[in-house]
C-alpha atoms as a PDB file:
ATOM      1  CA  VAL A   1      -4.552   6.395  -1.490  1.00  0.00           C
ATOM      2  CA  LYS A   2      -7.232   8.798  -2.599  1.00  0.00           C
ATOM      3  CA  PHE A   3      -6.810  12.411  -1.617  1.00  0.00           C
ATOM      4  CA  MET A   4     -10.024  14.202  -0.855  1.00  0.00           C
ATOM      5  CA  LYS A   5     -10.328  17.887  -1.588  1.00  0.00           C
ATOM      6  CA  ALA A   6     -11.554  19.539   1.563  1.00  0.00           C
ATOM      7  CA  ARG A   7     -13.583  22.707   1.425  1.00  0.00           C
ATOM      8  CA  ASN A   8     -12.389  23.772   4.855  1.00  0.00           C
ATOM      9  CA  GLU A   9     -10.259  22.819   7.849  1.00  0.00           C
ATOM     10  CA  LYS A  10     -13.007  20.762   9.457  1.00  0.00           C
ATOM     11  CA  GLU A  11     -13.369  18.580   6.381  1.00  0.00           C
ATOM     12  CA  ALA A  12      -9.601  18.283   6.093  1.00  0.00           C
ATOM     13  CA  ALA A  13      -9.378  17.074   9.685  1.00  0.00           C
ATOM     14  CA  GLU A  14     -12.200  14.590   9.166  1.00  0.00           C
ATOM     15  CA  ALA A  15     -10.633  13.231   5.984  1.00  0.00           C
ATOM     16  CA  GLU A  16      -7.307  12.856   7.802  1.00  0.00           C
ATOM     17  CA  LEU A  17      -9.029  10.963  10.599  1.00  0.00           C
ATOM     18  CA  GLN A  18     -10.827   8.696   8.142  1.00  0.00           C
ATOM     19  CA  THR A  19      -7.581   7.916   6.334  1.00  0.00           C
ATOM     20  CA  SER A  20      -5.816   7.084   9.600  1.00  0.00           C
ATOM     21  CA  LYS A  21      -8.685   4.829  10.634  1.00  0.00           C
ATOM     22  CA  MET A  22      -8.553   2.936   7.336  1.00  0.00           C
ATOM     23  CA  GLN A  23      -4.794   2.450   7.706  1.00  0.00           C
ATOM     24  CA  VAL A  24      -5.246   1.089  11.240  1.00  0.00           C
ATOM     25  CA  ASP A  25      -8.025  -1.230  10.081  1.00  0.00           C
ATOM     26  CA  ALA A  26      -5.838  -2.535   7.258  1.00  0.00           C
ATOM     27  CA  ALA A  27      -2.910  -3.109   9.633  1.00  0.00           C
ATOM     28  CA  ASN A  28      -5.143  -4.980  12.072  1.00  0.00           C
ATOM     29  CA  GLU A  29      -6.517  -7.127   9.265  1.00  0.00           C
ATOM     30  CA  ALA A  30      -3.011  -7.965   8.058  1.00  0.00           C
ATOM     31  CA  GLU A  31      -1.978  -8.905  11.596  1.00  0.00           C
ATOM     32  CA  ARG A  32      -4.984 -11.215  11.972  1.00  0.00           C
ATOM     33  CA  THR A  33      -4.210 -12.905   8.658  1.00  0.00           C
ATOM     34  CA  LYS A  34      -0.569 -13.367   9.645  1.00  0.00           C
ATOM     35  CA  GLN A  35      -1.556 -14.975  12.946  1.00  0.00           C
ATOM     36  CA  GLN A  36      -4.008 -17.328  11.232  1.00  0.00           C
ATOM     37  CA  LEU A  37      -1.355 -18.413   8.741  1.00  0.00           C
ATOM     38  CA  GLY A  38       1.108 -18.935  11.598  1.00  0.00           C
ATOM     39  CA  GLU A  39      -1.334 -21.175  13.449  1.00  0.00           C
ATOM     40  CA  GLU A  40      -1.767 -23.297  10.334  1.00  0.00           C
ATOM     41  CA  GLY A  41       1.988 -23.847  10.172  1.00  0.00           C
ATOM     42  CA  PHE A  42       2.894 -21.807   7.108  1.00  0.00           C
END
């Protein structure tokens, strides 16, 4: 995980939001992959 140096609170909040969004996206992607593998019988 890359930590971004924020110049102020607004940037810090935006960076936090972006990081959370990326984590959610990654979790969703992993879930989709798991379901696809399950359907194929692995």
